Amino acid sequence: MEDQRALEAALERRIETLQHGLESTNRKSTEQIAQDRLDELRRKKKDYDRETSKLLKSFNKFINDNLGAMLAAEELGGPVVGDLMEIDTEELGAGFNAQGKLKRAKANPGEDVRQRRIDDIWGPGDKQQAKKGKKPGRDEGSAAGAELKALTEELLNSLMNSAGDNSASYVKIPRETAASRFLVRSKVAQFHPKDATRLRLVDFGREIDD
């Protein structure tokens, strides 16, 4: 009986609150209601933009500080991302042997050879710096991180432009890379079931395709 009375009192308070809100709405003109809704949408957009900016900064920091070096190690024949947590980007210049172990760094490593290898695997560096005659100065970790950022941005743009059509959200990738494999293992993205050169972000409202 006490529970019944408490529930009845709670319902009465809720009905009173709803009636008060309805009366306040009825006193407003159509223009005022529309303006209130527009103001609310603007506030929500600002909140979303602020949270998106914070998330993007955290994402980039995680790639720069941790993930980039691990992706580079996997791409160079080393352990899969997550198996080796502490990686010195300077040691990556020596590469890995057939057993996936870091090779012993040479006393005088050839920077030109190393830079060519970076460009061959991950593409050239900052084009703007190259035009100005400045050396990009990338290491393996920053190059792998830049590749993941570019791939993620392309996948996001493709998903937005697909307007809910999953078949139109695929991105064509030139080859399978450590970055693409990492996104798939993390269940963030998936390859096309019949074409391993096509990749898309997972629609979290649905299950992953078999």
C-alpha atoms as a PDB file:
ATOM      1  CA  MET A   1       0.000   0.000   0.000  1.00  0.00           C
ATOM      2  CA  GLU A   2       2.857   2.404   0.799  1.00  0.00           C
ATOM      3  CA  ASP A   3       4.475   1.694  -2.568  1.00  0.00           C
ATOM      4  CA  GLN A   4       1.139   2.297  -4.283  1.00  0.00           C
ATOM      5  CA  ARG A   5       0.737   5.667  -2.559  1.00  0.00           C
ATOM      6  CA  ALA A   6       4.327   6.696  -3.377  1.00  0.00           C
ATOM      7  CA  LEU A   7       3.795   5.784  -7.044  1.00  0.00           C
ATOM      8  CA  GLU A   8       0.527   7.704  -7.146  1.00  0.00           C
ATOM      9  CA  ALA A   9       2.188  10.808  -5.668  1.00  0.00           C
ATOM     10  CA  ALA A  10       5.044  10.587  -8.188  1.00  0.00           C
ATOM     11  CA  LEU A  11       2.598  10.307 -11.090  1.00  0.00           C
ATOM     12  CA  GLU A  12       0.607  13.296  -9.837  1.00  0.00           C
ATOM     13  CA  ARG A  13       3.776  15.400  -9.647  1.00  0.00           C
ATOM     14  CA  ARG A  14       4.740  14.322 -13.165  1.00  0.00           C
ATOM     15  CA  ILE A  15       1.295  15.173 -14.554  1.00  0.00           C
ATOM     16  CA  GLU A  16       1.451  18.587 -12.886  1.00  0.00           C
ATOM     17  CA  THR A  17       4.881  19.243 -14.405  1.00  0.00           C
ATOM     18  CA  LEU A  18       3.699  18.254 -17.873  1.00  0.00           C
ATOM     19  CA  GLN A  19       0.572  20.412 -17.585  1.00  0.00           C
ATOM     20  CA  HIS A  20       2.681  23.388 -16.523  1.00  0.00           C
ATOM     21  CA  GLY A  21       5.015  22.881 -19.497  1.00  0.00           C
ATOM     22  CA  LEU A  22       2.054  22.588 -21.872  1.00  0.00           C
ATOM     23  CA  GLU A  23       0.523  25.796 -20.540  1.00  0.00           C
ATOM     24  CA  SER A  24       3.835  27.623 -20.986  1.00  0.00           C
ATOM     25  CA  THR A  25       4.083  26.359 -24.575  1.00  0.00           C
ATOM     26  CA  ASN A  26       0.521  27.346 -25.368  1.00  0.00           C
ATOM     27  CA  ARG A  27       1.236  30.919 -24.260  1.00  0.00           C
ATOM     28  CA  LYS A  28       4.041  31.195 -26.816  1.00  0.00           C
ATOM     29  CA  SER A  29       3.514  32.156 -30.405  1.00  0.00           C
ATOM     30  CA  THR A  30       4.503  29.867 -33.269  1.00  0.00           C
ATOM     31  CA  GLU A  31       7.475  32.107 -34.003  1.00  0.00           C
ATOM     32  CA  GLN A  32       8.661  31.931 -30.393  1.00  0.00           C
ATOM     33  CA  ILE A  33       8.406  28.138 -30.325  1.00  0.00           C
ATOM     34  CA  ALA A  34      10.350  27.892 -33.595  1.00  0.00           C
ATOM     35  CA  GLN A  35      13.006  30.298 -32.290  1.00  0.00           C
ATOM     36  CA  ASP A  36      13.352  28.319 -29.046  1.00  0.00           C
ATOM     37  CA  ARG A  37      13.878  25.110 -30.969  1.00  0.00           C
ATOM     38  CA  LEU A  38      16.390  26.794 -33.257  1.00  0.00           C
ATOM     39  CA  ASP A  39      18.304  28.154 -30.261  1.00  0.00           C
ATOM     40  CA  GLU A  40      18.325  24.686 -28.693  1.00  0.00           C
ATOM     41  CA  LEU A  41      19.690  23.140 -31.896  1.00  0.00           C
ATOM     42  CA  ARG A  42      22.410  25.796 -32.048  1.00  0.00           C
ATOM     43  CA  ARG A  43      23.409  25.072 -28.446  1.00  0.00           C
ATOM     44  CA  LYS A  44      23.554  21.349 -29.186  1.00  0.00           C
ATOM     45  CA  LYS A  45      25.659  21.959 -32.296  1.00  0.00           C
ATOM     46  CA  LYS A  46      28.146  24.032 -30.294  1.00  0.00           C
ATOM     47  CA  ASP A  47      28.354  21.261 -27.688  1.00  0.00           C
ATOM     48  CA  TYR A  48      28.892  18.622 -30.378  1.00  0.00           C
ATOM     49  CA  ASP A  49      31.533  20.745 -32.120  1.00  0.00           C
ATOM     50  CA  ARG A  50      33.352  21.290 -28.829  1.00  0.00           C
ATOM     51  CA  GLU A  51      33.291  17.587 -27.946  1.00  0.00           C
ATOM     52  CA  THR A  52      34.357  16.634 -31.478  1.00  0.00           C
ATOM     53  CA  SER A  53      37.325  19.002 -31.265  1.00  0.00           C
ATOM     54  CA  LYS A  54      38.395  17.521 -27.917  1.00  0.00           C
ATOM     55  CA  LEU A  55      38.032  13.985 -29.262  1.00  0.00           C
ATOM     56  CA  LEU A  56      40.057  14.807 -32.373  1.00  0.00           C
ATOM     57  CA  LYS A  57      42.877  16.307 -30.297  1.00  0.00           C
ATOM     58  CA  SER A  58      42.970  13.226 -28.063  1.00  0.00           C
ATOM     59  CA  PHE A  59      42.907  10.947 -31.119  1.00  0.00           C
ATOM     60  CA  ASN A  60      45.816  12.762 -32.780  1.00  0.00           C
ATOM     61  CA  LYS A  61      47.816  12.823 -29.529  1.00  0.00           C
ATOM     62  CA  PHE A  62      47.336   9.082 -29.054  1.00  0.00           C
ATOM     63  CA  ILE A  63      48.544   8.423 -32.604  1.00  0.00           C
ATOM     64  CA  ASN A  64      51.545  10.745 -32.271  1.00  0.00           C
ATOM     65  CA  ASP A  65      52.605   9.490 -28.845  1.00  0.00           C
ATOM     66  CA  ASN A  66      51.833   5.773 -29.048  1.00  0.00           C
ATOM     67  CA  LEU A  67      50.023   4.261 -32.001  1.00  0.00           C
ATOM     68  CA  GLY A  68      52.159   5.606 -34.855  1.00  0.00           C
ATOM     69  CA  ALA A  69      55.300   3.783 -33.740  1.00  0.00           C
ATOM     70  CA  MET A  70      53.402   0.516 -33.206  1.00  0.00           C
ATOM     71  CA  LEU A  71      51.831   0.741 -36.668  1.00  0.00           C
ATOM     72  CA  ALA A  72      55.249   1.381 -38.193  1.00  0.00           C
ATOM     73  CA  ALA A  73      56.718  -1.615 -36.381  1.00  0.00           C
ATOM     74  CA  GLU A  74      53.992  -3.911 -37.769  1.00  0.00           C
ATOM     75  CA  GLU A  75      54.373  -2.474 -41.275  1.00  0.00           C
ATOM     76  CA  LEU A  76      58.128  -3.099 -41.151  1.00  0.00           C
ATOM     77  CA  GLY A  77      57.673  -6.772 -40.245  1.00  0.00           C
ATOM     78  CA  GLY A  78      57.623  -6.421 -36.479  1.00  0.00           C
ATOM     79  CA  PRO A  79      54.993  -7.446 -33.912  1.00  0.00           C
ATOM     80  CA  VAL A  80      51.297  -6.709 -34.345  1.00  0.00           C
ATOM     81  CA  VAL A  81      50.064  -3.460 -32.796  1.00  0.00           C
ATOM     82  CA  GLY A  82      49.719  -3.954 -29.059  1.00  0.00           C
ATOM     83  CA  ASP A  83      52.234  -6.793 -28.707  1.00  0.00           C
ATOM     84  CA  LEU A  84      55.147  -4.382 -28.220  1.00  0.00           C
ATOM     85  CA  MET A  85      54.104  -1.320 -26.233  1.00  0.00           C
ATOM     86  CA  GLU A  86      57.387   0.550 -25.774  1.00  0.00           C
ATOM     87  CA  ILE A  87      59.001   1.338 -29.133  1.00  0.00           C
ATOM     88  CA  ASP A  88      61.832   3.751 -29.817  1.00  0.00           C
ATOM     89  CA  THR A  89      61.234   5.342 -33.222  1.00  0.00           C
ATOM     90  CA  GLU A  90      64.966   5.696 -33.727  1.00  0.00           C
ATOM     91  CA  GLU A  91      65.373   1.935 -33.457  1.00  0.00           C
ATOM     92  CA  LEU A  92      62.793   1.412 -36.203  1.00  0.00           C
ATOM     93  CA  GLY A  93      65.296   2.717 -38.726  1.00  0.00           C
ATOM     94  CA  ALA A  94      67.152  -0.613 -38.585  1.00  0.00           C
ATOM     95  CA  GLY A  95      63.996  -2.591 -39.389  1.00  0.00           C
ATOM     96  CA  PHE A  96      63.080  -6.129 -38.273  1.00  0.00           C
ATOM     97  CA  ASN A  97      64.474  -9.554 -39.086  1.00  0.00           C
ATOM     98  CA  ALA A  98      62.532 -12.598 -40.313  1.00  0.00           C
ATOM     99  CA  GLN A  99      61.644 -13.530 -36.726  1.00  0.00           C
ATOM    100  CA  GLY A 100      60.059 -10.120 -36.092  1.00  0.00           C
ATOM    101  CA  LYS A 101      62.895  -8.927 -33.858  1.00  0.00           C
ATOM    102  CA  LEU A 102      64.479  -5.507 -34.114  1.00  0.00           C
ATOM    103  CA  LYS A 103      67.730  -5.531 -36.049  1.00  0.00           C
ATOM    104  CA  ARG A 104      70.833  -4.083 -34.478  1.00  0.00           C
ATOM    105  CA  ALA A 105      71.167  -0.446 -35.522  1.00  0.00           C
ATOM    106  CA  LYS A 106      74.224   0.456 -37.557  1.00  0.00           C
ATOM    107  CA  ALA A 107      76.753   2.908 -36.196  1.00  0.00           C
ATOM    108  CA  ASN A 108      76.246   5.301 -39.094  1.00  0.00           C
ATOM    109  CA  PRO A 109      72.789   4.703 -40.547  1.00  0.00           C
ATOM    110  CA  GLY A 110      72.142   6.024 -44.033  1.00  0.00           C
ATOM    111  CA  GLU A 111      69.495   8.697 -43.596  1.00  0.00           C
ATOM    112  CA  ASP A 112      68.962   9.031 -47.337  1.00  0.00           C
ATOM    113  CA  VAL A 113      68.259   5.315 -47.638  1.00  0.00           C
ATOM    114  CA  ARG A 114      65.974   5.458 -44.638  1.00  0.00           C
ATOM    115  CA  GLN A 115      64.071   8.449 -46.004  1.00  0.00           C
ATOM    116  CA  ARG A 116      63.600   6.717 -49.356  1.00  0.00           C
ATOM    117  CA  ARG A 117      62.227   3.676 -47.570  1.00  0.00           C
ATOM    118  CA  ILE A 118      59.775   5.831 -45.611  1.00  0.00           C
ATOM    119  CA  ASP A 119      58.622   7.480 -48.827  1.00  0.00           C
ATOM    120  CA  ASP A 120      58.289   4.105 -50.568  1.00  0.00           C
ATOM    121  CA  ILE A 121      56.133   2.613 -47.800  1.00  0.00           C
ATOM    122  CA  TRP A 122      54.061   5.562 -46.612  1.00  0.00           C
ATOM    123  CA  GLY A 123      54.427   8.073 -49.418  1.00  0.00           C
ATOM    124  CA  PRO A 124      56.193  11.451 -49.512  1.00  0.00           C
ATOM    125  CA  GLY A 125      56.036  13.842 -46.593  1.00  0.00           C
ATOM    126  CA  ASP A 126      54.667  17.360 -46.349  1.00  0.00           C
ATOM    127  CA  LYS A 127      54.342  18.636 -49.907  1.00  0.00           C
ATOM    128  CA  GLN A 128      54.331  22.242 -48.767  1.00  0.00           C
ATOM    129  CA  GLN A 129      57.700  21.785 -47.086  1.00  0.00           C
ATOM    130  CA  ALA A 130      59.034  19.999 -50.126  1.00  0.00           C
ATOM    131  CA  LYS A 131      58.072  22.926 -52.352  1.00  0.00           C
ATOM    132  CA  LYS A 132      59.972  25.261 -50.046  1.00  0.00           C
ATOM    133  CA  GLY A 133      63.037  23.035 -50.258  1.00  0.00           C
ATOM    134  CA  LYS A 134      62.755  21.904 -46.639  1.00  0.00           C
ATOM    135  CA  LYS A 135      63.426  18.321 -45.645  1.00  0.00           C
ATOM    136  CA  PRO A 136      60.229  16.717 -44.317  1.00  0.00           C
ATOM    137  CA  GLY A 137      62.182  15.074 -41.487  1.00  0.00           C
ATOM    138  CA  ARG A 138      59.672  12.282 -40.892  1.00  0.00           C
ATOM    139  CA  ASP A 139      60.474   9.103 -39.059  1.00  0.00           C
ATOM    140  CA  GLU A 140      58.671   5.790 -39.474  1.00  0.00           C
ATOM    141  CA  GLY A 141      56.298   6.460 -36.575  1.00  0.00           C
ATOM    142  CA  SER A 142      55.123   9.861 -37.783  1.00  0.00           C
ATOM    143  CA  ALA A 143      54.743   8.555 -41.335  1.00  0.00           C
ATOM    144  CA  ALA A 144      52.593   5.603 -40.194  1.00  0.00           C
ATOM    145  CA  GLY A 145      50.557   7.924 -37.969  1.00  0.00           C
ATOM    146  CA  ALA A 146      49.955  10.320 -40.849  1.00  0.00           C
ATOM    147  CA  GLU A 147      48.751   7.406 -42.981  1.00  0.00           C
ATOM    148  CA  LEU A 148      46.227   6.345 -40.317  1.00  0.00           C
ATOM    149  CA  LYS A 149      44.943   9.909 -39.922  1.00  0.00           C
ATOM    150  CA  ALA A 150      44.482  10.286 -43.676  1.00  0.00           C
ATOM    151  CA  LEU A 151      42.733   6.915 -43.961  1.00  0.00           C
ATOM    152  CA  THR A 152      40.415   7.674 -41.036  1.00  0.00           C
ATOM    153  CA  GLU A 153      39.499  11.058 -42.492  1.00  0.00           C
ATOM    154  CA  GLU A 154      38.768   9.491 -45.882  1.00  0.00           C
ATOM    155  CA  LEU A 155      36.588   6.813 -44.284  1.00  0.00           C
ATOM    156  CA  LEU A 156      34.647   9.386 -42.265  1.00  0.00           C
ATOM    157  CA  ASN A 157      34.046  11.582 -45.303  1.00  0.00           C
ATOM    158  CA  SER A 158      32.912   8.584 -47.331  1.00  0.00           C
ATOM    159  CA  LEU A 159      30.506   7.534 -44.591  1.00  0.00           C
ATOM    160  CA  MET A 160      29.035  11.037 -44.363  1.00  0.00           C
ATOM    161  CA  ASN A 161      28.611  11.301 -48.131  1.00  0.00           C
ATOM    162  CA  SER A 162      26.977   7.874 -48.391  1.00  0.00           C
ATOM    163  CA  ALA A 163      23.802   9.154 -46.675  1.00  0.00           C
ATOM    164  CA  GLY A 164      23.196   5.835 -44.916  1.00  0.00           C
ATOM    165  CA  ASP A 165      23.936   3.632 -47.929  1.00  0.00           C
ATOM    166  CA  ASN A 166      26.578   1.193 -46.671  1.00  0.00           C
ATOM    167  CA  SER A 167      27.396  -0.018 -50.167  1.00  0.00           C
ATOM    168  CA  ALA A 168      28.393   3.552 -51.094  1.00  0.00           C
ATOM    169  CA  SER A 169      30.571   4.125 -48.001  1.00  0.00           C
ATOM    170  CA  TYR A 170      33.500   1.955 -49.135  1.00  0.00           C
ATOM    171  CA  VAL A 171      36.903   3.520 -49.771  1.00  0.00           C
ATOM    172  CA  LYS A 172      39.319   2.071 -52.308  1.00  0.00           C
ATOM    173  CA  ILE A 173      42.722   1.424 -50.742  1.00  0.00           C
ATOM    174  CA  PRO A 174      45.841   0.683 -52.846  1.00  0.00           C
ATOM    175  CA  ARG A 175      46.958  -2.150 -50.545  1.00  0.00           C
ATOM    176  CA  GLU A 176      46.338  -3.690 -47.160  1.00  0.00           C
ATOM    177  CA  THR A 177      48.389  -1.845 -44.554  1.00  0.00           C
ATOM    178  CA  ALA A 178      49.014  -2.015 -40.823  1.00  0.00           C
ATOM    179  CA  ALA A 179      46.638   0.955 -40.450  1.00  0.00           C
ATOM    180  CA  SER A 180      43.769  -0.751 -42.276  1.00  0.00           C
ATOM    181  CA  ARG A 181      44.356  -4.044 -40.421  1.00  0.00           C
ATOM    182  CA  PHE A 182      44.369  -2.223 -37.084  1.00  0.00           C
ATOM    183  CA  LEU A 183      41.003  -0.573 -37.818  1.00  0.00           C
ATOM    184  CA  VAL A 184      39.536  -3.939 -38.815  1.00  0.00           C
ATOM    185  CA  ARG A 185      40.920  -5.747 -35.747  1.00  0.00           C
ATOM    186  CA  SER A 186      39.476  -2.971 -33.574  1.00  0.00           C
ATOM    187  CA  LYS A 187      36.070  -3.548 -35.240  1.00  0.00           C
ATOM    188  CA  VAL A 188      36.020   0.090 -36.319  1.00  0.00           C
ATOM    189  CA  ALA A 189      36.154  -0.776 -40.024  1.00  0.00           C
ATOM    190  CA  GLN A 190      35.608  -3.799 -42.236  1.00  0.00           C
ATOM    191  CA  PHE A 191      36.772  -4.991 -45.630  1.00  0.00           C
ATOM    192  CA  HIS A 192      34.286  -5.669 -48.387  1.00  0.00           C
ATOM    193  CA  PRO A 193      33.342  -9.388 -48.183  1.00  0.00           C
ATOM    194  CA  LYS A 194      34.364  -9.907 -51.828  1.00  0.00           C
ATOM    195  CA  ASP A 195      37.031  -7.234 -52.345  1.00  0.00           C
ATOM    196  CA  ALA A 196      39.924  -6.744 -49.903  1.00  0.00           C
ATOM    197  CA  THR A 197      40.850  -3.442 -51.569  1.00  0.00           C
ATOM    198  CA  ARG A 198      37.634  -1.803 -50.348  1.00  0.00           C
ATOM    199  CA  LEU A 199      37.224  -0.653 -46.758  1.00  0.00           C
ATOM    200  CA  ARG A 200      34.476   1.142 -44.861  1.00  0.00           C
ATOM    201  CA  LEU A 201      33.651   2.166 -41.318  1.00  0.00           C
ATOM    202  CA  VAL A 202      31.360  -0.143 -39.384  1.00  0.00           C
ATOM    203  CA  ASP A 203      27.769   1.026 -39.026  1.00  0.00           C
ATOM    204  CA  PHE A 204      27.451   0.717 -35.241  1.00  0.00           C
ATOM    205  CA  GLY A 205      23.681   0.557 -35.589  1.00  0.00           C
ATOM    206  CA  ARG A 206      24.029  -2.803 -37.328  1.00  0.00           C
ATOM    207  CA  GLU A 207      26.057  -5.951 -36.923  1.00  0.00           C
ATOM    208  CA  ILE A 208      29.317  -6.511 -38.787  1.00  0.00           C
ATOM    209  CA  ASP A 209      28.799  -8.261 -42.109  1.00  0.00           C
ATOM    210  CA  ASP A 210      29.789 -11.919 -42.266  1.00  0.00           C
END
